[in-house]
Amino acid sequence: MPLFTYICESCRKSSELLVRSSDTPPCPHCGKQTLVKQASAILPKMGPTRTTGALPPSCESCASRGSCPNL
């Protein structure tokens, strides 16, 4: 289930809720059915990240050329 940001038209409070995209939940603050889904920011796709400082031995030669796919 995706995370959506809602603003309640009754109490004007913002909430982030995990819901099915077709469902509109009640406001967790006032309980009314007046939540309005807000536009979400789209995050850029992130590539793989390295978690260690050392390269595997098989990558040392291509890394020195700047073309290692693991960087």
PDB file of N, CA and C in Angstrom:
ATOM      1  N   MET A   1       0.849  -1.181   0.000  1.00  0.00           N
ATOM      2  CA  MET A   1       0.000   0.000   0.000  1.00  0.00           C
ATOM      3  C   MET A   1       0.893   1.243   0.000  1.00  0.00           C
ATOM      4  N   PRO A   2       0.553   2.208  -0.818  1.00  0.00           N
ATOM      5  CA  PRO A   2       1.365   3.429  -0.882  1.00  0.00           C
ATOM      6  C   PRO A   2       1.060   4.403   0.256  1.00  0.00           C
ATOM      7  N   LEU A   3       2.016   5.267   0.510  1.00  0.00           N
ATOM      8  CA  LEU A   3       1.885   6.311   1.520  1.00  0.00           C
ATOM      9  C   LEU A   3       1.380   7.578   0.837  1.00  0.00           C
ATOM     10  N   PHE A   4       0.285   8.141   1.330  1.00  0.00           N
ATOM     11  CA  PHE A   4      -0.280   9.365   0.775  1.00  0.00           C
ATOM     12  C   PHE A   4      -0.357  10.442   1.846  1.00  0.00           C
ATOM     13  N   THR A   5      -0.229  11.684   1.433  1.00  0.00           N
ATOM     14  CA  THR A   5      -0.410  12.815   2.333  1.00  0.00           C
ATOM     15  C   THR A   5      -1.807  13.374   2.092  1.00  0.00           C
ATOM     16  N   TYR A   6      -2.534  13.602   3.177  1.00  0.00           N
ATOM     17  CA  TYR A   6      -3.892  14.141   3.114  1.00  0.00           C
ATOM     18  C   TYR A   6      -3.972  15.398   3.970  1.00  0.00           C
ATOM     19  N   ILE A   7      -4.869  16.301   3.590  1.00  0.00           N
ATOM     20  CA  ILE A   7      -5.218  17.449   4.433  1.00  0.00           C
ATOM     21  C   ILE A   7      -6.723  17.390   4.653  1.00  0.00           C
ATOM     22  N   CYS A   8      -7.128  17.528   5.909  1.00  0.00           N
ATOM     23  CA  CYS A   8      -8.539  17.493   6.268  1.00  0.00           C
ATOM     24  C   CYS A   8      -9.157  18.869   6.029  1.00  0.00           C
ATOM     25  N   GLU A   9     -10.254  18.906   5.289  1.00  0.00           N
ATOM     26  CA  GLU A   9     -10.946  20.175   5.039  1.00  0.00           C
ATOM     27  C   GLU A   9     -11.659  20.697   6.278  1.00  0.00           C
ATOM     28  N   SER A  10     -11.940  19.818   7.242  1.00  0.00           N
ATOM     29  CA  SER A  10     -12.638  20.250   8.455  1.00  0.00           C
ATOM     30  C   SER A  10     -11.687  20.842   9.493  1.00  0.00           C
ATOM     31  N   CYS A  11     -10.630  20.108   9.837  1.00  0.00           N
ATOM     32  CA  CYS A  11      -9.732  20.577  10.899  1.00  0.00           C
ATOM     33  C   CYS A  11      -8.420  21.149  10.361  1.00  0.00           C
ATOM     34  N   ARG A  12      -8.191  21.040   9.043  1.00  0.00           N
ATOM     35  CA  ARG A  12      -7.013  21.597   8.356  1.00  0.00           C
ATOM     36  C   ARG A  12      -5.686  20.963   8.786  1.00  0.00           C
ATOM     37  N   LYS A  13      -5.729  19.773   9.368  1.00  0.00           N
ATOM     38  CA  LYS A  13      -4.506  19.085   9.777  1.00  0.00           C
ATOM     39  C   LYS A  13      -4.043  18.150   8.661  1.00  0.00           C
ATOM     40  N   SER A  14      -2.729  17.986   8.567  1.00  0.00           N
ATOM     41  CA  SER A  14      -2.115  17.136   7.562  1.00  0.00           C
ATOM     42  C   SER A  14      -1.792  15.778   8.167  1.00  0.00           C
ATOM     43  N   SER A  15      -1.926  14.724   7.363  1.00  0.00           N
ATOM     44  CA  SER A  15      -1.634  13.363   7.812  1.00  0.00           C
ATOM     45  C   SER A  15      -1.007  12.582   6.672  1.00  0.00           C
ATOM     46  N   GLU A  16      -0.054  11.714   7.004  1.00  0.00           N
ATOM     47  CA  GLU A  16       0.493  10.769   6.044  1.00  0.00           C
ATOM     48  C   GLU A  16      -0.053   9.401   6.417  1.00  0.00           C
ATOM     49  N   LEU A  17      -0.728   8.761   5.461  1.00  0.00           N
ATOM     50  CA  LEU A  17      -1.408   7.503   5.750  1.00  0.00           C
ATOM     51  C   LEU A  17      -1.100   6.457   4.696  1.00  0.00           C
ATOM     52  N   LEU A  18      -0.967   5.198   5.125  1.00  0.00           N
ATOM     53  CA  LEU A  18      -0.831   4.080   4.207  1.00  0.00           C
ATOM     54  C   LEU A  18      -2.231   3.585   3.863  1.00  0.00           C
ATOM     55  N   VAL A  19      -2.637   3.764   2.617  1.00  0.00           N
ATOM     56  CA  VAL A  19      -3.979   3.357   2.200  1.00  0.00           C
ATOM     57  C   VAL A  19      -3.942   2.854   0.763  1.00  0.00           C
ATOM     58  N   ARG A  20      -4.949   2.100   0.405  1.00  0.00           N
ATOM     59  CA  ARG A  20      -5.124   1.741  -1.006  1.00  0.00           C
ATOM     60  C   ARG A  20      -5.466   3.023  -1.760  1.00  0.00           C
ATOM     61  N   SER A  21      -5.014   3.120  -2.988  1.00  0.00           N
ATOM     62  CA  SER A  21      -5.210   4.362  -3.734  1.00  0.00           C
ATOM     63  C   SER A  21      -6.678   4.689  -3.973  1.00  0.00           C
ATOM     64  N   SER A  22      -7.556   3.698  -3.960  1.00  0.00           N
ATOM     65  CA  SER A  22      -8.975   3.954  -4.188  1.00  0.00           C
ATOM     66  C   SER A  22      -9.737   4.305  -2.908  1.00  0.00           C
ATOM     67  N   ASP A  23      -9.125   4.096  -1.744  1.00  0.00           N
ATOM     68  CA  ASP A  23      -9.790   4.368  -0.463  1.00  0.00           C
ATOM     69  C   ASP A  23      -9.497   5.793   0.014  1.00  0.00           C
ATOM     70  N   THR A  24     -10.463   6.403   0.681  1.00  0.00           N
ATOM     71  CA  THR A  24     -10.248   7.673   1.376  1.00  0.00           C
ATOM     72  C   THR A  24     -10.611   7.446   2.838  1.00  0.00           C
ATOM     73  N   PRO A  25      -9.617   7.418   3.704  1.00  0.00           N
ATOM     74  CA  PRO A  25      -9.865   7.124   5.117  1.00  0.00           C
ATOM     75  C   PRO A  25     -10.446   8.327   5.852  1.00  0.00           C
ATOM     76  N   PRO A  26     -10.988   8.113   7.048  1.00  0.00           N
ATOM     77  CA  PRO A  26     -11.413   9.253   7.867  1.00  0.00           C
ATOM     78  C   PRO A  26     -10.192   9.966   8.436  1.00  0.00           C
ATOM     79  N   CYS A  27     -10.348  11.215   8.799  1.00  0.00           N
ATOM     80  CA  CYS A  27      -9.278  12.006   9.385  1.00  0.00           C
ATOM     81  C   CYS A  27      -8.892  11.391  10.736  1.00  0.00           C
ATOM     82  N   PRO A  28      -7.595  11.125  10.955  1.00  0.00           N
ATOM     83  CA  PRO A  28      -7.191  10.558  12.240  1.00  0.00           C
ATOM     84  C   PRO A  28      -7.277  11.569  13.388  1.00  0.00           C
ATOM     85  N   HIS A  29      -7.443  12.857  13.075  1.00  0.00           N
ATOM     86  CA  HIS A  29      -7.518  13.895  14.105  1.00  0.00           C
ATOM     87  C   HIS A  29      -8.959  14.181  14.542  1.00  0.00           C
ATOM     88  N   CYS A  30      -9.861  14.340  13.553  1.00  0.00           N
ATOM     89  CA  CYS A  30     -11.241  14.697  13.912  1.00  0.00           C
ATOM     90  C   CYS A  30     -12.265  13.626  13.550  1.00  0.00           C
ATOM     91  N   GLY A  31     -11.855  12.611  12.762  1.00  0.00           N
ATOM     92  CA  GLY A  31     -12.747  11.512  12.427  1.00  0.00           C
ATOM     93  C   GLY A  31     -13.693  11.764  11.267  1.00  0.00           C
ATOM     94  N   LYS A  32     -13.676  12.953  10.677  1.00  0.00           N
ATOM     95  CA  LYS A  32     -14.587  13.263   9.575  1.00  0.00           C
ATOM     96  C   LYS A  32     -14.052  12.719   8.256  1.00  0.00           C
ATOM     97  N   GLN A  33     -14.934  12.514   7.306  1.00  0.00           N
ATOM     98  CA  GLN A  33     -14.589  11.975   5.985  1.00  0.00           C
ATOM     99  C   GLN A  33     -14.278  13.104   5.003  1.00  0.00           C
ATOM    100  N   THR A  34     -13.471  14.062   5.410  1.00  0.00           N
ATOM    101  CA  THR A  34     -13.203  15.226   4.563  1.00  0.00           C
ATOM    102  C   THR A  34     -11.731  15.351   4.183  1.00  0.00           C
ATOM    103  N   LEU A  35     -11.034  14.218   4.076  1.00  0.00           N
ATOM    104  CA  LEU A  35      -9.624  14.256   3.689  1.00  0.00           C
ATOM    105  C   LEU A  35      -9.494  14.461   2.183  1.00  0.00           C
ATOM    106  N   VAL A  36      -8.501  15.264   1.800  1.00  0.00           N
ATOM    107  CA  VAL A  36      -8.208  15.507   0.395  1.00  0.00           C
ATOM    108  C   VAL A  36      -6.766  15.093   0.156  1.00  0.00           C
ATOM    109  N   LYS A  37      -6.572  14.177  -0.813  1.00  0.00           N
ATOM    110  CA  LYS A  37      -5.229  13.688  -1.122  1.00  0.00           C
ATOM    111  C   LYS A  37      -4.424  14.811  -1.772  1.00  0.00           C
ATOM    112  N   GLN A  38      -3.179  14.958  -1.344  1.00  0.00           N
ATOM    113  CA  GLN A  38      -2.294  15.993  -1.868  1.00  0.00           C
ATOM    114  C   GLN A  38      -1.381  15.410  -2.946  1.00  0.00           C
ATOM    115  N   ALA A  39      -0.924  16.260  -3.844  1.00  0.00           N
ATOM    116  CA  ALA A  39       0.012  15.825  -4.871  1.00  0.00           C
ATOM    117  C   ALA A  39       1.314  15.405  -4.212  1.00  0.00           C
ATOM    118  N   SER A  40       1.891  14.336  -4.690  1.00  0.00           N
ATOM    119  CA  SER A  40       3.136  13.820  -4.126  1.00  0.00           C
ATOM    120  C   SER A  40       4.314  14.254  -4.976  1.00  0.00           C
ATOM    121  N   ALA A  41       5.436  14.455  -4.317  1.00  0.00           N
ATOM    122  CA  ALA A  41       6.674  14.722  -5.042  1.00  0.00           C
ATOM    123  C   ALA A  41       7.186  13.400  -5.586  1.00  0.00           C
ATOM    124  N   ILE A  42       7.667  13.410  -6.803  1.00  0.00           N
ATOM    125  CA  ILE A  42       8.202  12.202  -7.410  1.00  0.00           C
ATOM    126  C   ILE A  42       9.707  12.193  -7.198  1.00  0.00           C
ATOM    127  N   LEU A  43      10.184  11.125  -6.601  1.00  0.00           N
ATOM    128  CA  LEU A  43      11.607  10.999  -6.323  1.00  0.00           C
ATOM    129  C   LEU A  43      12.317  10.420  -7.534  1.00  0.00           C
ATOM    130  N   PRO A  44      13.520  10.921  -7.836  1.00  0.00           N
ATOM    131  CA  PRO A  44      14.259  10.340  -8.955  1.00  0.00           C
ATOM    132  C   PRO A  44      14.689   8.925  -8.624  1.00  0.00           C
ATOM    133  N   LYS A  45      14.796   8.108  -9.654  1.00  0.00           N
ATOM    134  CA  LYS A  45      15.251   6.735  -9.450  1.00  0.00           C
ATOM    135  C   LYS A  45      16.712   6.774  -9.034  1.00  0.00           C
ATOM    136  N   MET A  46      16.999   6.100  -7.963  1.00  0.00           N
ATOM    137  CA  MET A  46      18.364   6.062  -7.457  1.00  0.00           C
ATOM    138  C   MET A  46      19.018   4.760  -7.906  1.00  0.00           C
ATOM    139  N   GLY A  47      20.252   4.861  -8.319  1.00  0.00           N
ATOM    140  CA  GLY A  47      21.010   3.676  -8.713  1.00  0.00           C
ATOM    141  C   GLY A  47      21.548   2.963  -7.503  1.00  0.00           C
ATOM    142  N   PRO A  48      22.236   1.867  -7.724  1.00  0.00           N
ATOM    143  CA  PRO A  48      22.812   1.139  -6.591  1.00  0.00           C
ATOM    144  C   PRO A  48      23.887   1.974  -5.916  1.00  0.00           C
ATOM    145  N   THR A  49      23.998   1.820  -4.630  1.00  0.00           N
ATOM    146  CA  THR A  49      25.021   2.543  -3.879  1.00  0.00           C
ATOM    147  C   THR A  49      25.983   1.551  -3.281  1.00  0.00           C
ATOM    148  N   ARG A  50      27.199   1.980  -3.130  1.00  0.00           N
ATOM    149  CA  ARG A  50      28.215   1.136  -2.511  1.00  0.00           C
ATOM    150  C   ARG A  50      28.202   1.378  -1.023  1.00  0.00           C
ATOM    151  N   THR A  51      28.352   0.308  -0.261  1.00  0.00           N
ATOM    152  CA  THR A  51      28.352   0.449   1.188  1.00  0.00           C
ATOM    153  C   THR A  51      29.721   0.206   1.794  1.00  0.00           C
ATOM    154  N   THR A  52      30.669  -0.253   0.993  1.00  0.00           N
ATOM    155  CA  THR A  52      32.004  -0.487   1.517  1.00  0.00           C
ATOM    156  C   THR A  52      32.989   0.428   0.822  1.00  0.00           C
ATOM    157  N   GLY A  53      34.124   0.659   1.454  1.00  0.00           N
ATOM    158  CA  GLY A  53      35.121   1.546   0.884  1.00  0.00           C
ATOM    159  C   GLY A  53      36.017   0.868  -0.137  1.00  0.00           C
ATOM    160  N   ALA A  54      36.169  -0.454  -0.064  1.00  0.00           N
ATOM    161  CA  ALA A  54      37.079  -1.166  -0.954  1.00  0.00           C
ATOM    162  C   ALA A  54      36.319  -1.779  -2.122  1.00  0.00           C
ATOM    163  N   LEU A  55      36.960  -1.747  -3.286  1.00  0.00           N
ATOM    164  CA  LEU A  55      36.380  -2.396  -4.459  1.00  0.00           C
ATOM    165  C   LEU A  55      36.792  -3.858  -4.487  1.00  0.00           C
ATOM    166  N   PRO A  56      35.953  -4.734  -5.032  1.00  0.00           N
ATOM    167  CA  PRO A  56      36.372  -6.116  -5.218  1.00  0.00           C
ATOM    168  C   PRO A  56      37.548  -6.148  -6.200  1.00  0.00           C
ATOM    169  N   PRO A  57      38.425  -7.143  -6.102  1.00  0.00           N
ATOM    170  CA  PRO A  57      39.591  -7.200  -6.988  1.00  0.00           C
ATOM    171  C   PRO A  57      39.236  -7.147  -8.467  1.00  0.00           C
ATOM    172  N   SER A  58      38.116  -7.726  -8.856  1.00  0.00           N
ATOM    173  CA  SER A  58      37.738  -7.725 -10.274  1.00  0.00           C
ATOM    174  C   SER A  58      37.376  -6.324 -10.774  1.00  0.00           C
ATOM    175  N   CYS A  59      37.124  -5.368  -9.893  1.00  0.00           N
ATOM    176  CA  CYS A  59      36.715  -4.025 -10.289  1.00  0.00           C
ATOM    177  C   CYS A  59      37.863  -3.022 -10.320  1.00  0.00           C
ATOM    178  N   GLU A  60      39.004  -3.383  -9.768  1.00  0.00           N
ATOM    179  CA  GLU A  60      40.075  -2.398  -9.645  1.00  0.00           C
ATOM    180  C   GLU A  60      40.534  -1.853 -10.988  1.00  0.00           C
ATOM    181  N   SER A  61      40.626  -2.708 -12.014  1.00  0.00           N
ATOM    182  CA  SER A  61      41.115  -2.226 -13.310  1.00  0.00           C
ATOM    183  C   SER A  61      40.081  -1.357 -14.016  1.00  0.00           C
ATOM    184  N   CYS A  62      38.812  -1.711 -13.998  1.00  0.00           N
ATOM    185  CA  CYS A  62      37.814  -0.880 -14.669  1.00  0.00           C
ATOM    186  C   CYS A  62      37.539   0.392 -13.887  1.00  0.00           C
ATOM    187  N   ALA A  63      37.689   0.366 -12.561  1.00  0.00           N
ATOM    188  CA  ALA A  63      37.493   1.565 -11.749  1.00  0.00           C
ATOM    189  C   ALA A  63      38.567   2.594 -12.049  1.00  0.00           C
ATOM    190  N   SER A  64      39.786   2.116 -12.316  1.00  0.00           N
ATOM    191  CA  SER A  64      40.861   3.074 -12.621  1.00  0.00           C
ATOM    192  C   SER A  64      40.615   3.774 -13.957  1.00  0.00           C
ATOM    193  N   ARG A  65      39.857   3.147 -14.843  1.00  0.00           N
ATOM    194  CA  ARG A  65      39.502   3.772 -16.129  1.00  0.00           C
ATOM    195  C   ARG A  65      38.228   4.622 -15.998  1.00  0.00           C
ATOM    196  N   GLY A  66      37.547   4.537 -14.866  1.00  0.00           N
ATOM    197  CA  GLY A  66      36.324   5.303 -14.665  1.00  0.00           C
ATOM    198  C   GLY A  66      35.097   4.678 -15.284  1.00  0.00           C
ATOM    199  N   SER A  67      35.141   3.377 -15.569  1.00  0.00           N
ATOM    200  CA  SER A  67      33.994   2.731 -16.198  1.00  0.00           C
ATOM    201  C   SER A  67      33.489   1.519 -15.426  1.00  0.00           C
ATOM    202  N   CYS A  68      33.700   1.493 -14.134  1.00  0.00           N
ATOM    203  CA  CYS A  68      33.259   0.366 -13.320  1.00  0.00           C
ATOM    204  C   CYS A  68      31.745   0.450 -13.101  1.00  0.00           C
ATOM    205  N   PRO A  69      30.998  -0.583 -13.440  1.00  0.00           N
ATOM    206  CA  PRO A  69      29.544  -0.559 -13.246  1.00  0.00           C
ATOM    207  C   PRO A  69      29.145  -0.638 -11.772  1.00  0.00           C
ATOM    208  N   ASN A  70      30.091  -0.961 -10.896  1.00  0.00           N
ATOM    209  CA  ASN A  70      29.784  -1.067  -9.472  1.00  0.00           C
ATOM    210  C   ASN A  70      29.994   0.233  -8.711  1.00  0.00           C
ATOM    211  N   LEU A  71      30.380   1.299  -9.408  1.00  0.00           N
ATOM    212  CA  LEU A  71      30.591   2.585  -8.741  1.00  0.00           C
ATOM    213  C   LEU A  71      29.326   3.378  -8.739  1.00  0.00           C
TER     214      LEU A  71
END
